[in-house]
Protein backbone atom coordinates (compact mmCIF):
# COMPACT_ATOMS: atom_id res chain seq x y z
CA MET A 1 0.39 -0.02 -0.19
CA MET A 2 2.54 2.28 0.81
CA SER A 3 4.90 1.61 -2.22
CA TRP A 4 1.92 2.35 -4.43
CA ALA A 5 1.12 6.06 -2.39
CA LEU A 6 5.29 6.61 -2.87
CA CYS A 7 4.78 5.68 -6.76
CA ILE A 8 1.73 8.04 -7.29
CA TRP A 9 2.82 10.88 -5.31
CA VAL A 10 6.79 10.67 -7.26
CA SER A 11 4.93 10.45 -10.27
CA LEU A 12 2.79 13.71 -9.27
CA LEU A 13 6.08 15.29 -8.35
CA VAL A 14 7.88 14.63 -11.62
CA THR A 15 4.95 15.18 -13.64
CA SER A 16 4.68 18.91 -11.56
CA ILE A 17 8.27 19.45 -12.06
CA THR A 18 8.04 18.74 -15.83
CA THR A 19 5.07 20.63 -16.61
CA TRP A 20 7.00 23.45 -14.81
CA VAL A 21 10.13 23.37 -16.74
CA TYR A 22 7.84 23.40 -19.59
CA LYS A 23 6.02 26.16 -19.25
CA TRP A 24 9.17 27.80 -18.60
CA ARG A 25 10.89 26.97 -21.68
CA ASN A 26 7.72 27.75 -23.66
CA PRO A 27 6.17 30.76 -22.43
CA LYS A 28 2.77 31.91 -23.24
CA CYS A 29 2.37 34.52 -25.92
CA SER A 30 -0.30 35.88 -27.99
CA GLY A 31 1.78 35.33 -31.21
CA LYS A 32 5.37 33.72 -32.13
CA LEU A 33 8.23 35.00 -29.66
CA PRO A 34 11.71 35.49 -31.16
CA PRO A 35 13.60 32.33 -31.31
CA GLY A 36 15.93 31.29 -28.39
CA SER A 37 16.33 29.48 -25.03
CA MET A 38 14.92 30.39 -21.81
CA GLY A 39 17.92 28.66 -19.77
CA LEU A 40 17.73 26.77 -16.92
CA PRO A 41 14.60 27.27 -14.61
CA LEU A 42 14.86 30.37 -12.58
CA LEU A 43 18.73 31.05 -13.20
CA GLY A 44 17.80 31.11 -17.02
CA GLU A 45 21.44 31.90 -19.23
CA THR A 46 22.84 34.17 -16.79
CA ILE A 47 25.95 31.99 -16.17
CA ALA A 48 26.72 31.93 -19.83
CA PHE A 49 25.97 35.55 -19.92
CA PHE A 50 28.65 36.44 -17.30
CA LYS A 51 31.37 34.57 -18.93
CA PRO A 52 34.59 36.63 -19.09
CA TYR A 53 36.58 36.96 -22.20
CA SER A 54 39.64 39.29 -23.38
CA ASN A 55 39.26 41.12 -26.51
CA LEU A 56 37.01 43.76 -27.65
CA ASP A 57 34.76 41.69 -29.98
CA ILE A 58 31.35 40.93 -28.99
CA GLN A 59 30.46 39.43 -26.14
CA PRO A 60 30.72 35.75 -27.36
CA PHE A 61 27.36 35.27 -25.58
CA ILE A 62 25.57 37.59 -27.99
CA LYS A 63 27.60 36.80 -30.91
CA GLU A 64 27.08 33.01 -30.60
CA ARG A 65 23.18 33.28 -30.55
CA ILE A 66 23.14 36.22 -32.87
CA LYS A 67 24.98 33.77 -35.56
CA LYS A 68 22.56 31.21 -34.47
CA TYR A 69 19.02 32.80 -34.17
CA GLY A 70 19.09 36.03 -35.73
CA PRO A 71 19.70 39.75 -34.92
CA ILE A 72 16.57 39.51 -32.50
CA PHE A 73 15.89 36.88 -30.22
CA LYS A 74 14.87 35.90 -26.42
CA THR A 75 16.76 34.53 -23.28
CA SER A 76 16.55 35.27 -19.45
CA PHE A 77 18.63 36.30 -16.57
CA VAL A 78 18.05 35.24 -13.41
CA GLY A 79 14.47 34.45 -14.11
CA ILE A 80 13.74 37.52 -15.70
CA PRO A 81 12.62 36.77 -19.51
CA VAL A 82 14.67 39.06 -22.19
CA ILE A 83 14.31 39.98 -25.77
CA VAL A 84 18.02 41.04 -26.75
CA ALA A 85 17.87 43.49 -29.86
CA THR A 86 20.86 43.76 -31.91
CA ASP A 87 19.29 45.14 -35.08
CA PRO A 88 19.93 48.67 -35.24
CA ASP A 89 16.45 50.01 -36.33
CA PHE A 90 14.58 48.06 -34.12
CA SER A 91 16.76 48.78 -30.94
CA TYR A 92 16.15 53.09 -32.50
CA PHE A 93 12.38 52.69 -31.94
CA VAL A 94 12.75 50.86 -28.68
CA LEU A 95 14.52 53.81 -27.63
CA ASN A 96 12.48 56.21 -28.61
CA GLN A 97 9.42 54.92 -27.51
CA GLU A 98 9.57 55.48 -24.28
CA GLY A 99 6.17 56.17 -22.52
CA GLN A 100 4.41 54.72 -25.19
CA CYS A 101 5.32 51.19 -26.26
CA PHE A 102 8.02 50.75 -23.42
CA LYS A 103 9.66 52.22 -20.25
CA ASN A 104 12.85 52.72 -18.91
CA TRP A 105 13.82 49.67 -16.61
CA TYR A 106 16.75 47.82 -15.16
CA PRO A 107 16.76 44.67 -12.74
CA ASP A 108 16.25 44.78 -8.98
CA THR A 109 20.10 43.99 -8.83
CA PHE A 110 21.06 47.52 -10.66
CA THR A 111 18.50 48.99 -8.63
CA LYS A 112 19.90 48.11 -5.40
CA ILE A 113 23.50 49.24 -6.55
CA PHE A 114 22.07 52.73 -7.81
CA GLY A 115 19.29 53.19 -4.85
CA ASN A 116 15.70 53.38 -5.58
CA GLN A 117 15.26 56.92 -6.78
CA ASN A 118 18.03 57.06 -9.05
CA LEU A 119 17.84 58.77 -12.53
CA ALA A 120 17.27 55.89 -14.24
CA THR A 121 14.14 54.56 -12.37
CA LEU A 122 12.04 58.10 -12.62
CA HIS A 123 9.95 58.96 -15.12
CA GLY A 124 7.85 61.76 -16.54
CA PHE A 125 8.04 65.39 -15.34
CA VAL A 126 10.49 64.53 -12.06
CA TYR A 127 12.67 62.91 -14.37
CA LYS A 128 12.81 66.40 -16.67
CA HIS A 129 12.74 68.12 -13.60
CA LEU A 130 16.34 66.46 -12.50
CA LYS A 131 17.68 66.55 -16.00
CA HIS A 132 17.12 70.07 -16.29
CA MET A 133 18.86 70.71 -13.15
CA ILE A 134 22.07 68.68 -14.09
CA LEU A 135 21.85 70.58 -17.27
CA SER A 136 22.09 74.01 -15.35
CA LEU A 137 25.47 72.36 -13.74
CA PHE A 138 27.13 70.83 -16.90
CA GLY A 139 25.24 73.00 -19.43
CA HIS A 140 27.00 74.90 -22.44
CA GLU A 141 28.17 77.76 -20.48
CA SER A 142 29.04 76.07 -17.38
CA ARG A 143 31.36 74.06 -19.43
CA LYS A 144 32.70 77.10 -21.05
CA LYS A 145 33.61 78.97 -17.51
CA MET A 146 34.78 75.31 -16.67
CA LEU A 147 37.57 74.84 -19.03
CA PRO A 148 40.34 76.72 -17.60
CA GLU A 149 39.80 75.12 -14.40
CA ILE A 150 39.70 71.83 -15.54
CA GLU A 151 42.91 72.52 -17.94
CA GLU A 152 44.90 73.64 -14.83
CA ASN A 153 44.02 70.38 -12.68
CA VAL A 154 45.08 68.06 -15.81
CA CYS A 155 48.21 69.94 -15.82
CA LYS A 156 49.02 69.44 -12.37
CA LYS A 157 48.46 66.42 -12.67
CA LEU A 158 50.43 65.28 -15.45
CA LYS A 159 53.32 67.45 -13.92
CA LEU A 160 53.07 65.12 -10.78
CA TRP A 161 53.00 61.99 -12.44
CA SER A 162 56.02 62.85 -14.73
CA THR A 163 58.04 62.73 -11.26
CA GLN A 164 57.08 59.20 -10.96
CA ASN A 165 58.67 56.17 -11.79
CA SER A 166 55.40 54.74 -13.04
CA VAL A 167 51.62 55.51 -13.64
CA GLU A 168 48.90 53.21 -13.25
CA LEU A 169 46.66 55.21 -15.76
CA LYS A 170 43.08 53.84 -14.94
CA GLY A 171 43.48 54.73 -11.48
CA SER A 172 45.29 57.89 -11.77
CA THR A 173 42.93 59.00 -14.63
CA ALA A 174 39.83 58.08 -11.91
CA SER A 175 41.68 60.08 -9.54
CA LEU A 176 41.84 63.17 -11.53
CA ILE A 177 38.43 63.02 -12.79
CA LEU A 178 36.77 62.54 -9.32
CA ASP A 179 38.61 65.49 -7.93
CA LEU A 180 36.82 67.65 -11.13
CA THR A 181 33.52 66.21 -10.54
CA THR A 182 33.09 66.41 -6.36
CA LYS A 183 34.25 70.08 -6.78
CA LYS A 184 31.50 71.06 -9.43
CA LEU A 185 29.29 68.61 -7.15
CA MET A 186 30.08 69.53 -3.72
CA GLY A 187 32.73 72.19 -3.51
CA LEU A 188 35.00 69.81 -2.27
CA ASP A 189 38.70 70.11 -2.66
CA GLN A 190 40.86 67.60 -3.06
CA GLY A 191 41.79 65.75 0.78
CA LYS A 192 39.83 63.09 2.85
CA TYR A 193 36.65 63.37 1.93
CA SER A 194 37.85 62.54 -2.08
CA ASP A 195 39.92 59.83 -1.30
CA LYS A 196 37.27 58.11 0.81
CA LEU A 197 34.95 58.45 -1.97
CA ARG A 198 37.59 57.10 -3.90
CA ASP A 199 37.98 54.04 -2.27
CA CYS A 200 34.21 53.62 -2.08
CA PHE A 201 33.76 53.80 -5.75
CA ALA A 202 36.62 51.55 -6.53
CA ALA A 203 34.91 48.78 -4.48
CA PHE A 204 31.82 49.78 -6.05
CA ASN A 205 33.05 49.65 -9.65
CA ASP A 206 34.58 45.80 -9.51
CA GLY A 207 31.29 44.58 -8.37
CA LEU A 208 28.93 46.47 -10.78
CA ILE A 209 28.53 44.12 -13.55
CA SER A 210 29.26 40.99 -12.08
CA PHE A 211 26.69 37.78 -11.02
CA PRO A 212 23.96 39.01 -8.67
CA ILE A 213 24.86 36.94 -5.08
CA ASN A 214 24.57 39.10 -2.58
CA ILE A 215 26.87 36.51 -0.37
CA PRO A 216 29.95 37.93 1.54
CA GLY A 217 33.59 37.69 -0.23
CA THR A 218 31.22 37.84 -3.73
CA ALA A 219 32.00 41.15 -6.04
CA TYR A 220 28.42 42.06 -5.82
CA HIS A 221 28.42 41.79 -2.24
CA LYS A 222 31.34 44.26 -2.21
CA CYS A 223 29.71 46.65 -4.47
CA LEU A 224 26.93 46.79 -2.36
CA GLU A 225 29.25 47.68 0.81
CA GLY A 226 30.54 49.92 -1.26
CA ARG A 227 27.59 51.98 -2.03
CA GLU A 228 26.82 51.52 1.53
CA ARG A 229 30.22 53.75 2.81
CA ALA A 230 29.73 56.08 0.00
CA MET A 231 26.21 56.98 0.32
CA LYS A 232 27.09 57.25 4.46
CA MET A 233 29.43 60.14 3.67
CA LEU A 234 27.60 61.87 0.89
CA ARG A 235 24.67 62.12 3.68
CA ASP A 236 27.19 63.41 6.38
CA MET A 237 28.64 66.22 3.63
CA LEU A 238 25.19 66.94 2.90
CA GLN A 239 24.17 67.33 6.69
CA GLU A 240 27.35 69.16 7.49
CA ARG A 241 26.19 71.88 4.37
CA ARG A 242 22.73 72.51 5.90
CA GLU A 243 24.56 73.36 9.38
CA ASN A 244 26.91 75.44 7.46
CA PRO A 245 25.33 76.92 4.33
CA ARG A 246 27.17 79.01 2.38
CA GLU A 247 26.15 82.95 1.64
CA ASN A 248 26.81 82.29 -2.47
CA PRO A 249 25.37 78.73 -3.77
CA SER A 250 27.99 77.61 -6.33
CA ASP A 251 27.60 73.74 -6.25
CA PHE A 252 24.79 71.26 -6.90
CA PHE A 253 24.53 70.70 -3.05
CA ASP A 254 23.49 74.44 -2.46
CA TYR A 255 20.77 73.79 -5.27
CA VAL A 256 19.80 70.73 -3.40
CA ILE A 257 19.29 72.66 0.21
CA GLU A 258 17.94 75.45 -1.23
CA GLU A 259 15.10 73.30 -3.48
CA LEU A 260 14.67 71.34 -0.46
CA LYS A 261 13.56 73.91 1.38
CA LYS A 262 10.41 74.59 -1.01
CA GLU A 263 6.93 73.32 -0.09
CA ASP A 264 6.04 72.34 -3.62
CA THR A 265 9.50 70.99 -4.05
CA LEU A 266 9.92 67.18 -6.34
CA LEU A 267 13.18 66.61 -5.06
CA THR A 268 13.62 64.66 -1.63
CA GLU A 269 16.74 63.67 -0.03
CA GLU A 270 16.82 60.49 -1.28
CA ILE A 271 16.77 61.35 -4.89
CA ALA A 272 19.49 64.00 -4.09
CA LEU A 273 21.44 61.76 -3.23
CA ASP A 274 20.61 59.14 -5.20
CA LEU A 275 21.44 61.47 -8.13
CA MET A 276 24.66 62.54 -6.67
CA PHE A 277 25.90 58.84 -6.03
CA VAL A 278 25.07 57.83 -10.06
CA LEU A 279 26.92 61.40 -11.43
CA ILE A 280 29.99 60.64 -9.58
CA PHE A 281 30.09 57.50 -10.56
CA THR A 282 29.01 58.02 -14.29
CA SER A 283 31.52 60.84 -14.59
CA PHE A 284 34.55 59.81 -12.97
CA GLU A 285 34.71 55.95 -13.68
CA THR A 286 33.31 55.82 -17.52
CA THR A 287 35.59 58.56 -18.27
CA SER A 288 38.62 57.00 -16.57
CA TYR A 289 37.89 54.07 -18.41
CA SER A 290 37.95 55.88 -21.68
CA LEU A 291 41.20 57.49 -21.26
CA THR A 292 43.07 54.62 -20.50
CA LEU A 293 41.70 52.76 -23.48
CA ALA A 294 42.56 55.95 -25.49
CA ILE A 295 46.21 56.26 -24.45
CA LYS A 296 46.29 52.24 -25.07
CA PHE A 297 45.07 52.70 -28.71
CA LEU A 298 47.64 55.60 -29.07
CA SER A 299 50.48 53.57 -27.92
CA ASP A 300 49.57 50.79 -30.06
CA ASP A 301 49.32 53.24 -33.24
CA PRO A 302 51.95 55.58 -33.67
CA SER A 303 50.20 56.81 -36.61
CA ILE A 304 46.98 58.03 -34.97
CA LEU A 305 49.19 59.38 -32.29
CA LYS A 306 51.00 61.44 -34.82
CA SER A 307 47.48 63.11 -36.31
CA LEU A 308 46.53 63.69 -32.74
CA THR A 309 49.58 65.25 -31.95
CA GLU A 310 49.86 67.25 -35.21
CA GLU A 311 46.07 68.89 -34.23
CA HIS A 312 46.98 70.19 -30.94
CA GLU A 313 50.65 71.32 -31.80
CA ALA A 314 49.16 73.12 -34.72
CA ILE A 315 46.71 74.73 -31.95
CA LEU A 316 49.46 75.63 -29.92
CA ARG A 317 51.49 77.58 -33.34
CA ASN A 318 48.20 79.67 -34.01
CA ARG A 319 48.44 81.34 -30.60
CA GLU A 320 50.12 84.61 -30.14
CA ASP A 321 51.31 83.31 -26.66
CA ALA A 322 51.76 79.89 -26.94
CA ASN A 323 51.44 79.98 -23.15
CA SER A 324 48.30 81.10 -22.95
CA GLY A 325 45.47 78.51 -22.03
CA LEU A 326 43.34 76.92 -24.22
CA THR A 327 40.17 78.47 -25.14
CA TRP A 328 36.69 77.25 -25.86
CA LYS A 329 37.10 78.58 -29.44
CA GLU A 330 40.34 76.14 -29.67
CA TYR A 331 38.67 73.46 -28.30
CA LYS A 332 35.52 73.33 -30.79
CA SER A 333 38.58 73.54 -33.24
CA MET A 334 39.40 70.03 -32.35
CA THR A 335 37.76 67.88 -35.29
CA TYR A 336 40.21 65.04 -35.07
CA THR A 337 40.14 64.91 -31.56
CA LEU A 338 36.47 64.16 -31.28
CA GLN A 339 36.69 61.91 -33.74
CA PHE A 340 38.82 59.95 -31.77
CA ILE A 341 36.79 59.99 -28.95
CA ASN A 342 33.93 58.51 -30.57
CA GLU A 343 35.87 55.72 -31.88
CA THR A 344 36.95 55.17 -28.71
CA ALA A 345 33.60 55.15 -27.18
CA ARG A 346 32.57 52.96 -29.79
CA LEU A 347 35.15 50.08 -28.93
CA ALA A 348 35.16 50.87 -25.52
CA ASN A 349 31.04 49.63 -25.41
CA LEU A 350 30.93 50.88 -22.02
CA ALA A 351 27.00 50.25 -21.99
CA ILE A 352 26.86 46.38 -22.63
CA GLY A 353 23.08 46.93 -22.54
CA ILE A 354 19.98 49.82 -22.38
CA PHE A 355 17.16 48.02 -20.57
CA ARG A 356 13.28 48.85 -21.69
CA LYS A 357 10.33 47.24 -20.38
CA ALA A 358 7.15 46.31 -22.47
CA LEU A 359 4.28 48.37 -21.69
CA VAL A 360 2.03 46.59 -24.42
CA ASP A 361 2.30 43.70 -27.01
CA THR A 362 4.67 44.23 -29.80
CA GLU A 363 4.58 42.83 -32.83
CA TYR A 364 7.46 43.21 -35.20
CA GLU A 365 8.13 41.79 -38.89
CA GLY A 366 11.79 43.36 -39.91
CA MET A 367 12.87 46.71 -40.79
CA ILE A 368 10.38 49.32 -39.46
CA ASN A 369 8.11 50.86 -42.39
CA GLN A 370 5.04 52.24 -40.92
CA THR A 371 3.20 52.11 -37.41
CA THR A 372 -0.19 51.67 -36.68
CA THR A 373 -2.18 51.92 -33.80
CA GLN A 374 -5.13 49.58 -32.58
CA ASN A 375 -7.35 50.47 -29.22
CA THR A 376 -8.28 47.60 -27.48
CA GLN A 377 -10.57 47.00 -24.73
CA ILE A 378 -8.37 48.14 -21.64
CA ASN A 379 -7.44 51.62 -23.74
CA CYS A 380 -4.22 50.11 -23.95
CA TYR A 381 -2.41 50.36 -27.32
CA ILE A 382 -0.49 47.86 -30.10
CA TYR A 383 1.92 49.03 -31.79
CA ILE A 384 2.02 46.91 -35.02
CA ILE A 385 5.71 47.24 -36.56
CA HIS A 386 5.67 46.13 -40.20
CA PHE A 387 9.08 44.94 -41.55
CA VAL A 388 9.96 43.59 -45.01
CA LYS A 389 12.70 41.14 -44.33
CA MET A 390 11.03 38.33 -42.45
CA ASP A 391 8.25 35.62 -43.05
CA THR A 392 6.58 35.79 -40.13
CA GLY A 393 6.37 38.56 -36.97
CA TYR A 394 7.33 38.25 -33.74
CA ILE A 395 5.70 39.33 -30.53
CA ILE A 396 7.08 41.14 -27.32
CA PRO A 397 4.86 40.57 -24.76
CA ALA A 398 4.18 43.33 -22.43
CA GLY A 399 6.20 42.92 -18.93
CA TRP A 400 9.02 41.60 -20.71
CA THR A 401 12.43 43.37 -20.78
CA VAL A 402 14.10 44.19 -24.08
CA MET A 403 17.49 44.86 -23.86
CA VAL A 404 19.30 46.90 -26.66
CA CYS A 405 22.97 45.68 -27.22
CA PRO A 406 25.32 48.82 -28.17
CA PRO A 407 28.35 46.53 -28.76
CA ALA A 408 26.57 44.24 -31.31
CA ILE A 409 25.75 47.69 -33.11
CA HIS A 410 28.83 49.22 -33.34
CA LEU A 411 30.94 45.72 -34.43
CA ASN A 412 28.69 44.89 -37.06
CA PRO A 413 30.72 45.03 -40.16
CA ASP A 414 27.33 45.55 -42.28
CA ILE A 415 27.57 48.72 -40.19
CA TYR A 416 31.32 49.75 -39.64
CA GLU A 417 34.31 48.02 -42.21
CA ASP A 418 36.80 46.32 -40.20
CA PRO A 419 34.81 46.99 -36.79
CA LEU A 420 37.52 46.06 -34.35
CA VAL A 421 39.85 47.97 -36.57
CA PHE A 422 40.41 51.51 -34.39
CA ASP A 423 40.34 54.33 -37.02
CA PRO A 424 39.11 57.91 -36.02
CA SER A 425 39.10 58.35 -39.67
CA ARG A 426 35.69 56.69 -40.20
CA TRP A 427 34.01 59.66 -38.49
CA GLU A 428 35.00 62.26 -40.87
CA GLY A 429 32.35 64.03 -41.85
CA SER A 430 30.12 62.02 -39.52
CA LYS A 431 26.57 64.10 -38.52
CA TYR A 432 25.83 61.56 -35.86
CA THR A 433 28.17 62.16 -33.19
CA ASN A 434 26.37 61.75 -30.11
CA ALA A 435 23.15 59.29 -30.94
CA SER A 436 22.05 57.44 -33.90
CA LYS A 437 20.46 54.10 -35.06
CA THR A 438 24.20 52.77 -35.40
CA PHE A 439 25.90 54.52 -32.52
CA MET A 440 24.62 54.28 -28.75
CA ALA A 441 27.39 54.69 -26.75
CA PHE A 442 25.81 57.43 -24.92
CA GLY A 443 22.51 55.92 -25.05
CA GLY A 444 19.71 57.07 -27.30
CA GLY A 445 15.98 58.57 -26.83
CA MET A 446 15.01 60.94 -24.02
CA ARG A 447 17.48 58.93 -21.88
CA PHE A 448 20.52 60.08 -23.69
CA CYS A 449 23.43 60.54 -21.26
CA ILE A 450 23.58 64.24 -20.24
CA GLY A 451 27.13 64.10 -19.08
CA THR A 452 28.43 63.47 -22.58
CA ASP A 453 29.54 66.56 -23.34
CA PHE A 454 31.16 66.88 -20.02
CA SER A 455 32.74 63.72 -20.34
CA LYS A 456 34.36 64.33 -24.04
CA LEU A 457 35.60 68.16 -22.95
CA GLN A 458 37.50 66.51 -19.76
CA MET A 459 39.16 63.98 -22.13
CA ALA A 460 39.79 66.30 -24.67
CA VAL A 461 41.65 68.74 -22.83
CA PHE A 462 43.77 65.47 -21.18
CA LEU A 463 44.33 64.67 -24.31
CA HIS A 464 45.77 68.35 -25.41
CA SER A 465 48.31 68.56 -22.45
CA LEU A 466 49.40 64.96 -22.86
CA VAL A 467 50.17 65.29 -26.35
CA THR A 468 51.74 68.37 -26.70
CA LYS A 469 54.11 68.33 -23.07
CA TYR A 470 54.45 64.52 -22.88
CA LYS A 471 55.57 61.14 -24.22
CA TRP A 472 55.29 58.19 -22.47
CA GLU A 473 56.42 54.61 -22.71
CA GLU A 474 54.56 51.53 -21.66
CA ILE A 475 55.95 49.60 -18.58
CA SER A 476 53.15 46.54 -17.61
CA GLY A 477 50.02 46.02 -17.96
CA GLY A 478 47.23 47.04 -20.87
CA ASN A 479 45.42 43.99 -21.35
CA ILE A 480 41.60 44.11 -20.95
CA ARG A 481 39.17 41.63 -19.55
CA ARG A 482 35.05 41.88 -19.56
CA THR A 483 32.79 40.26 -17.52
CA PRO A 484 31.31 42.03 -19.44
CA GLY A 485 31.88 45.60 -18.38
CA LEU A 486 35.48 46.75 -19.23
CA HIS A 487 38.60 45.89 -16.97
CA PHE A 488 42.07 45.80 -16.80
CA PRO A 489 42.93 43.18 -14.70
CA ASN A 490 46.43 44.47 -14.20
CA GLY A 491 46.17 47.73 -14.64
CA TYR A 492 47.63 49.80 -17.05
CA HIS A 493 51.29 50.93 -15.91
CA VAL A 494 53.65 53.85 -18.01
CA LYS A 495 56.26 56.27 -17.53
CA LEU A 496 55.73 59.55 -18.20
CA LYS A 497 58.35 61.99 -19.60
CA LYS A 498 58.12 65.88 -20.18
CA LYS A 499 59.20 66.93 -24.38
CA GLU A 500 62.11 68.80 -24.40
CA ILE A 501 61.21 71.77 -26.54
């Protein structure tokens, strides 16, 4: 009797598990889902996605699935169903349909890292208000005023580095950019606070794009600890400024304090601190990676270094006083330099994915040709995007995540000839220097990175001072590793020497 009962129980268990696995691998859909695999139940294909590799090519996980399934495929990360988009037309559509077909979205693991009220999670009027606030700090006129200060700080750092036997560029450039950013945001001069913040963000970055297991000893756990320490410091500094307000407001903390005093303000202390955290991280960490990779490219190709140096030496020759500082007009004349920066951003691919969540069922069939709208019984809209290349359309179900994959677009040989070759001249005459269907290094749609121009300014000033006043030789490191975020596991050490003029 007991054996029969056990057999029945085991049979029911096996049937339940088999049914669950089948439903996981074959999710319900009102139409046809893109091809692909959902991987293991709950885990999905997360482990394969985070598998490290050591080159600038498309992530093997993405590359293999493009070859197998095509430019749009389904998968799953830590239990989240995902459509991966590597087609430029569909990717561009997704990024420009925020609030209609899609909304900005990131996994809970990212939200824990950047905060529940960070800029990426906010929508509508609150997001626009904060965007306007940031632009008031880093907008066109503000950048013009900051130019002399940026150049002064860069020159001081380069002079200091030239006295050292070896400089690790990733850490050193991060320190430089952090000092510039924290001074603008918090009026913070280099000292104990900036040094401690740098340590917090170093731990934070190591686990930013890592397998999301919050267990002591893991990179993700260290990342969360780094955030917690950084947020405590920012909170203490804000409180200190509140207790000792300045007569002439000039930085972000001053603005926050004034804004929090208003009765009808949209700003809260939590939003302000999360915003500060994101601004500091994105400004110094991404720019320092780009600068380090840029110098590696210059070291590897003397002809590109020669072209860049010639542009900057011409700027010096055309001055009445060769020792005067950079002007805004001179910065805007750096045509080859800005091409060089765009090419660095294209190959650096610091944004491995841009996430959106579908608000409605969206059917697509190929290259976007036209869009029609159909009213449903619940006042929702189904956007039908007609394509001309595929025989059968696919459905992106409401609630599913779409991951736009910029690296797959930037390294597509049908878009960029010899995509792994570093060639700034490919940008000659290009109108699309910030965002387009084929260039998404700085985001796209209404979520285009508002710090892009500030980052480009810092890079251009650094490169100007570097190539006109110094030369360098590689000491060690410089090899890259992606997990899938960009890292220099052994650093990049160089010896900087002042040029003899």
